[in-house]
N, C-alpha and C. Protein backbone atom coordinates (compact mmCIF):
# COMPACT_ATOMS: atom_id res chain seq x y z
N MET A 1 7.64 184.65 -6.78
CA MET A 1 8.05 184.38 -8.08
C MET A 1 8.14 185.00 -8.86
N THR A 2 8.47 184.29 -10.11
CA THR A 2 8.92 186.01 -11.24
C THR A 2 8.07 185.35 -11.52
N ASP A 3 8.32 186.60 -13.08
CA ASP A 3 7.24 186.98 -13.89
C ASP A 3 8.91 186.38 -15.34
N GLU A 4 8.70 185.21 -15.06
CA GLU A 4 10.04 184.34 -16.48
C GLU A 4 8.59 184.58 -18.24
N PRO A 5 9.09 184.78 -18.81
CA PRO A 5 8.24 184.33 -19.80
C PRO A 5 8.43 182.97 -20.31
N LYS A 6 7.12 182.57 -20.87
CA LYS A 6 6.83 180.93 -20.72
C LYS A 6 7.10 180.80 -22.47
N ASN A 7 7.96 179.35 -22.54
CA ASN A 7 7.91 178.87 -23.99
C ASN A 7 6.75 178.61 -24.58
N ILE A 8 7.30 179.83 -24.89
CA ILE A 8 5.98 179.37 -26.29
C ILE A 8 6.25 179.04 -27.91
N PRO A 9 6.15 178.15 -27.65
CA PRO A 9 6.97 178.47 -29.79
C PRO A 9 6.87 178.48 -30.92
N LEU A 10 7.34 179.37 -31.27
CA LEU A 10 7.23 180.35 -31.68
C LEU A 10 6.84 179.20 -33.66
N LYS A 11 5.89 179.96 -34.11
CA LYS A 11 5.66 179.48 -36.00
C LYS A 11 6.66 180.10 -36.83
N PRO A 12 6.84 179.51 -37.22
CA PRO A 12 7.89 179.51 -38.21
C PRO A 12 7.26 179.94 -39.50
N LYS A 13 7.75 180.50 -40.15
CA LYS A 13 7.37 181.58 -41.13
C LYS A 13 7.61 180.87 -42.53
N PRO A 14 6.33 181.19 -42.89
CA PRO A 14 6.58 180.31 -44.25
C PRO A 14 8.17 180.99 -45.63
N PRO A 15 8.72 179.19 -46.45
CA PRO A 15 9.57 180.43 -47.14
C PRO A 15 9.20 181.64 -47.98
N LEU A 16 9.93 182.15 -48.14
CA LEU A 16 9.80 183.30 -49.72
C LEU A 16 8.43 182.60 -50.67
N SER A 17 9.20 182.08 -51.37
CA SER A 17 8.06 181.08 -52.12
C SER A 17 6.84 180.65 -51.80
N GLN A 18 7.11 180.80 -50.82
CA GLN A 18 4.91 180.88 -50.33
C GLN A 18 4.13 181.49 -50.17
N ASP A 19 5.66 183.01 -49.60
CA ASP A 19 4.56 183.77 -49.44
C ASP A 19 4.30 184.77 -51.09
N VAL A 20 5.47 184.18 -52.02
CA VAL A 20 5.22 184.96 -53.19
C VAL A 20 4.42 183.85 -53.55
N GLY A 21 3.78 182.82 -53.71
CA GLY A 21 2.64 182.26 -54.36
C GLY A 21 1.64 182.76 -54.12
N ALA A 22 1.31 182.75 -52.00
CA ALA A 22 -0.23 183.20 -52.04
C ALA A 22 -0.50 184.87 -52.50
N LYS A 23 0.86 185.57 -52.44
CA LYS A 23 0.55 187.03 -52.63
C LYS A 23 -0.80 187.16 -54.48
N ALA A 24 0.79 186.27 -55.49
CA ALA A 24 -0.16 185.76 -56.67
C ALA A 24 -1.29 185.75 -57.13
N ALA A 25 -1.64 184.52 -56.01
CA ALA A 25 -3.24 184.00 -55.75
C ALA A 25 -4.38 185.04 -55.55
N ARG A 26 -4.30 185.34 -54.28
CA ARG A 26 -4.91 186.71 -54.52
C ARG A 26 -5.76 187.41 -55.43
N LYS A 27 -4.57 188.08 -56.17
CA LYS A 27 -4.42 189.04 -57.61
C LYS A 27 -4.96 188.35 -58.90
N LEU A 28 -4.51 186.80 -58.42
CA LEU A 28 -5.69 186.08 -59.06
C LEU A 28 -6.79 186.17 -59.07
N ARG A 29 -7.80 186.01 -57.98
CA ARG A 29 -8.48 186.25 -57.49
C ARG A 29 -9.70 187.44 -57.47
N ALA A 30 -8.49 188.22 -56.68
CA ALA A 30 -9.17 189.87 -57.10
C ALA A 30 -9.01 190.00 -58.84
N ARG A 31 -8.64 189.50 -59.73
CA ARG A 31 -8.71 190.40 -61.20
C ARG A 31 -10.85 189.10 -60.86
N ARG A 32 -10.22 187.67 -60.86
CA ARG A 32 -11.60 187.35 -61.33
C ARG A 32 -12.95 188.21 -60.59
N HIS A 33 -13.31 188.97 -60.07
CA HIS A 33 -13.60 189.45 -58.84
C HIS A 33 -14.18 191.11 -59.30
N VAL A 34 -13.93 191.31 -60.54
CA VAL A 34 -13.52 192.52 -60.20
C VAL A 34 -14.71 193.14 -60.24
N THR A 35 -16.01 192.54 -61.17
CA THR A 35 -17.57 192.91 -60.53
C THR A 35 -17.22 193.62 -59.43
N ARG A 36 -17.33 193.14 -58.09
CA ARG A 36 -17.23 193.48 -57.01
C ARG A 36 -16.70 195.07 -56.90
N THR A 37 -16.76 196.29 -56.87
CA THR A 37 -17.08 197.89 -57.49
C THR A 37 -18.27 198.06 -56.09
N VAL A 38 -17.36 199.79 -56.21
CA VAL A 38 -18.32 200.80 -55.79
C VAL A 38 -19.50 200.24 -56.38
N TRP A 39 -19.61 199.80 -57.22
CA TRP A 39 -21.05 200.49 -58.22
C TRP A 39 -21.92 198.56 -57.09
N PHE A 40 -20.57 197.93 -57.49
CA PHE A 40 -21.63 196.68 -56.70
C PHE A 40 -22.65 196.80 -55.24
N GLY A 41 -21.34 197.51 -54.77
CA GLY A 41 -22.08 198.13 -52.82
C GLY A 41 -23.18 198.76 -53.37
N LEU A 42 -23.45 199.83 -54.37
CA LEU A 42 -24.89 200.35 -53.84
C LEU A 42 -25.27 199.84 -54.76
N GLY A 43 -25.46 199.02 -55.60
CA GLY A 43 -26.34 198.08 -56.21
C GLY A 43 -26.83 196.95 -56.07
N MET A 44 -26.26 196.42 -54.82
CA MET A 44 -26.79 195.92 -53.31
C MET A 44 -27.04 196.08 -52.47
N MET A 45 -27.03 196.83 -52.27
CA MET A 45 -27.80 198.67 -51.12
C MET A 45 -29.53 198.99 -51.94
N GLY A 46 -29.38 198.60 -53.07
CA GLY A 46 -30.72 199.28 -54.18
C GLY A 46 -31.46 198.07 -53.67
N LEU A 47 -30.65 196.64 -54.47
CA LEU A 47 -31.67 195.18 -53.98
C LEU A 47 -32.53 195.58 -52.49
N ILE A 48 -30.96 195.20 -51.38
CA ILE A 48 -31.79 194.39 -50.14
C ILE A 48 -33.21 195.66 -50.05
N GLY A 49 -33.22 197.14 -50.43
CA GLY A 49 -34.42 198.17 -50.47
C GLY A 49 -35.78 197.99 -50.90
N TRP A 50 -34.82 197.46 -52.38
CA TRP A 50 -36.26 196.79 -53.18
C TRP A 50 -36.37 195.72 -52.86
N SER A 51 -36.19 194.75 -51.73
CA SER A 51 -36.28 193.43 -51.02
C SER A 51 -37.54 194.33 -50.05
N VAL A 52 -37.35 195.01 -49.25
CA VAL A 52 -37.78 195.53 -48.68
C VAL A 52 -39.19 196.77 -48.70
N ALA A 53 -38.85 197.14 -49.59
CA ALA A 53 -39.97 197.83 -50.10
C ALA A 53 -41.54 197.37 -51.36
N ILE A 54 -41.00 196.54 -51.78
CA ILE A 54 -41.72 195.10 -52.73
C ILE A 54 -43.09 195.01 -51.97
N PRO A 55 -42.26 194.14 -50.75
CA PRO A 55 -43.45 193.41 -50.18
C PRO A 55 -44.31 193.97 -48.70
N THR A 56 -43.42 195.13 -48.79
CA THR A 56 -44.56 195.99 -47.99
C THR A 56 -45.37 197.23 -48.37
N LEU A 57 -45.37 197.40 -49.64
CA LEU A 57 -45.92 198.52 -50.64
C LEU A 57 -47.41 197.09 -51.01
N LEU A 58 -47.23 196.36 -50.99
CA LEU A 58 -47.67 195.35 -51.73
C LEU A 58 -48.73 194.59 -50.66
N GLY A 59 -48.08 194.35 -49.43
CA GLY A 59 -49.10 194.48 -48.11
C GLY A 59 -50.03 196.02 -48.20
N ALA A 60 -49.14 196.93 -48.02
CA ALA A 60 -50.62 198.00 -48.47
C ALA A 60 -51.12 198.69 -48.59
N ALA A 61 -51.22 198.15 -50.73
CA ALA A 61 -52.79 198.07 -51.32
C ALA A 61 -53.39 196.68 -51.01
N LEU A 62 -52.68 195.28 -50.77
CA LEU A 62 -53.50 194.96 -50.47
C LEU A 62 -54.74 194.72 -49.26
N GLY A 63 -54.15 195.22 -48.14
CA GLY A 63 -54.37 195.99 -47.87
C GLY A 63 -55.57 197.61 -47.79
N ILE A 64 -55.59 198.51 -48.27
CA ILE A 64 -56.23 199.53 -48.94
C ILE A 64 -57.62 198.36 -49.25
N TRP A 65 -57.44 197.75 -50.81
CA TRP A 65 -58.19 197.09 -51.50
C TRP A 65 -59.48 196.63 -50.37
N LEU A 66 -58.75 195.48 -49.71
CA LEU A 66 -59.58 194.33 -48.83
C LEU A 66 -60.36 195.64 -47.84
N ASP A 67 -60.03 196.18 -47.77
CA ASP A 67 -60.50 197.77 -46.36
C ASP A 67 -61.70 198.28 -47.19
N LYS A 68 -61.67 198.79 -48.38
CA LYS A 68 -63.14 199.54 -49.45
C LYS A 68 -63.49 198.30 -49.06
N HIS A 69 -63.51 196.36 -50.01
CA HIS A 69 -64.31 195.82 -50.00
C HIS A 69 -65.08 195.39 -49.33
N HIS A 70 -64.12 195.03 -48.45
CA HIS A 70 -64.65 194.00 -46.57
C HIS A 70 -63.95 194.76 -45.25
N SER A 71 -64.86 195.90 -45.47
CA SER A 71 -64.28 196.81 -43.99
C SER A 71 -65.03 195.95 -42.84
N GLY A 72 -64.38 196.08 -41.96
CA GLY A 72 -65.03 195.58 -40.23
C GLY A 72 -63.91 196.38 -39.59
N THR A 73 -63.33 195.60 -38.35
CA THR A 73 -63.68 196.41 -37.50
C THR A 73 -62.04 196.92 -37.10
N HIS A 74 -61.16 196.17 -37.75
CA HIS A 74 -59.57 196.48 -38.03
C HIS A 74 -59.09 196.67 -39.26
N SER A 75 -57.76 196.49 -39.06
CA SER A 75 -57.26 197.68 -40.26
C SER A 75 -57.18 196.50 -41.27
N TRP A 76 -57.41 196.53 -41.66
CA TRP A 76 -55.64 195.63 -42.95
C TRP A 76 -54.89 195.84 -44.11
N THR A 77 -55.08 197.50 -43.78
CA THR A 77 -53.78 198.20 -44.09
C THR A 77 -52.89 198.02 -43.69
N LEU A 78 -53.16 199.05 -42.38
CA LEU A 78 -52.29 198.00 -41.06
C LEU A 78 -51.31 196.71 -41.24
N MET A 79 -52.53 196.40 -40.72
CA MET A 79 -51.94 194.86 -41.07
C MET A 79 -50.85 193.65 -41.45
N LEU A 80 -50.88 194.32 -43.01
CA LEU A 80 -50.90 194.28 -44.17
C LEU A 80 -49.62 194.52 -44.07
N LEU A 81 -49.94 196.36 -44.02
CA LEU A 81 -48.75 196.79 -44.54
C LEU A 81 -47.26 196.44 -43.06
N ILE A 82 -47.66 196.02 -42.08
CA ILE A 82 -45.95 195.18 -40.84
C ILE A 82 -46.42 193.85 -40.87
N ILE A 83 -46.99 193.05 -42.02
CA ILE A 83 -46.55 191.96 -42.76
C ILE A 83 -45.63 191.52 -43.43
N GLY A 84 -46.41 193.00 -44.02
CA GLY A 84 -45.28 193.17 -46.21
C GLY A 84 -43.62 192.96 -45.21
N LEU A 85 -43.61 194.57 -44.58
CA LEU A 85 -42.15 195.10 -43.75
C LEU A 85 -41.22 193.65 -43.40
N ILE A 86 -42.01 193.06 -42.14
CA ILE A 86 -41.08 191.98 -41.98
C ILE A 86 -40.73 190.74 -43.13
N ILE A 87 -42.00 190.50 -43.78
CA ILE A 87 -41.37 189.41 -44.88
C ILE A 87 -40.41 190.14 -45.35
N GLY A 88 -40.03 191.42 -45.96
CA GLY A 88 -39.20 192.60 -46.87
C GLY A 88 -38.01 192.05 -45.82
N CYS A 89 -38.49 192.27 -44.64
CA CYS A 89 -37.08 192.48 -44.14
C CYS A 89 -36.15 191.20 -43.46
N LEU A 90 -37.27 190.02 -43.43
CA LEU A 90 -36.65 188.75 -43.22
C LEU A 90 -35.66 188.23 -45.02
N ASN A 91 -36.24 188.59 -46.39
CA ASN A 91 -35.83 188.93 -47.62
C ASN A 91 -35.03 189.35 -47.47
N ALA A 92 -34.17 190.71 -47.35
CA ALA A 92 -33.56 190.74 -46.65
C ALA A 92 -32.38 190.42 -45.76
N TRP A 93 -32.99 190.76 -45.35
CA TRP A 93 -31.54 189.81 -44.09
C TRP A 93 -31.31 188.75 -44.71
N HIS A 94 -32.04 187.74 -45.18
CA HIS A 94 -31.79 186.24 -46.15
C HIS A 94 -30.35 186.16 -47.13
N TRP A 95 -30.35 188.12 -48.40
CA TRP A 95 -30.29 188.04 -48.83
C TRP A 95 -28.15 188.49 -48.27
N VAL A 96 -27.81 189.35 -46.99
CA VAL A 96 -27.08 189.51 -46.27
C VAL A 96 -26.68 188.47 -45.65
N ALA A 97 -26.92 187.72 -45.57
CA ALA A 97 -26.52 186.75 -44.79
C ALA A 97 -25.99 185.84 -45.93
N ARG A 98 -27.02 185.71 -46.97
CA ARG A 98 -25.73 184.94 -48.38
C ARG A 98 -25.03 185.62 -48.63
N GLU A 99 -24.22 186.75 -49.12
CA GLU A 99 -22.99 187.89 -48.99
C GLU A 99 -22.39 187.01 -48.18
N ASP A 100 -22.66 187.75 -47.00
CA ASP A 100 -21.88 187.67 -45.70
C ASP A 100 -21.09 186.10 -46.20
N LYS A 101 -21.88 184.82 -46.34
CA LYS A 101 -21.28 183.18 -46.19
C LYS A 101 -20.53 183.22 -47.51
N ALA A 102 -20.65 184.58 -48.67
CA ALA A 102 -20.08 183.85 -49.69
C ALA A 102 -19.04 185.05 -49.76
N MET A 103 -18.47 186.15 -49.29
CA MET A 103 -18.10 186.85 -48.34
C MET A 103 -16.70 185.90 -47.88
N ARG A 104 -17.40 185.21 -46.36
CA ARG A 104 -16.48 184.55 -45.90
C ARG A 104 -15.70 183.24 -46.88
N GLU A 105 -16.14 182.71 -46.59
CA GLU A 105 -15.65 181.17 -47.68
C GLU A 105 -14.25 182.49 -49.15
N GLU A 106 -14.93 183.80 -49.45
CA GLU A 106 -13.69 183.89 -49.96
C GLU A 106 -12.39 184.41 -49.28
N GLN A 107 -12.78 184.87 -48.41
CA GLN A 107 -11.44 185.55 -47.11
C GLN A 107 -11.26 184.03 -46.92
N GLU A 108 -11.41 182.43 -47.02
CA GLU A 108 -11.07 181.93 -46.22
C GLU A 108 -10.42 180.81 -47.40
N ASP A 109 -10.58 181.18 -48.19
CA ASP A 109 -10.15 180.62 -49.71
C ASP A 109 -8.78 181.53 -49.86
N ASP A 110 -8.61 182.17 -49.39
CA ASP A 110 -7.22 184.38 -49.79
C ASP A 110 -6.18 183.68 -48.12
N ASP A 111 -6.83 182.89 -47.20
CA ASP A 111 -6.07 182.36 -45.73
C ASP A 111 -5.12 181.61 -46.73
N GLU A 112 -5.71 180.50 -47.17
CA GLU A 112 -5.96 179.32 -47.00
C GLU A 112 -4.24 179.17 -48.05
């Protein structure tokens, strides 16, 4: 057997006018989304951090209050701290998934 190249049909290149139109559309979309800068990324990291920290701290605070008023054999503080952390992580995951979906949809729009 010989190693002959297979006949693979090549995808025709789009005409120059379509290339220019696609680049112009990308530039217009970039101008509309000018707010997505480094500051936007830092703000999003802060938002995700707070979405984890607040439920964790609220769980710990409620646990401390319950331990003072209704003491028992188990620690309410530890249990509610872990529950708050889980809720916060799920909340952060929700935010990241939503932003990822928006970025993917925007990417698909750019590709068209």
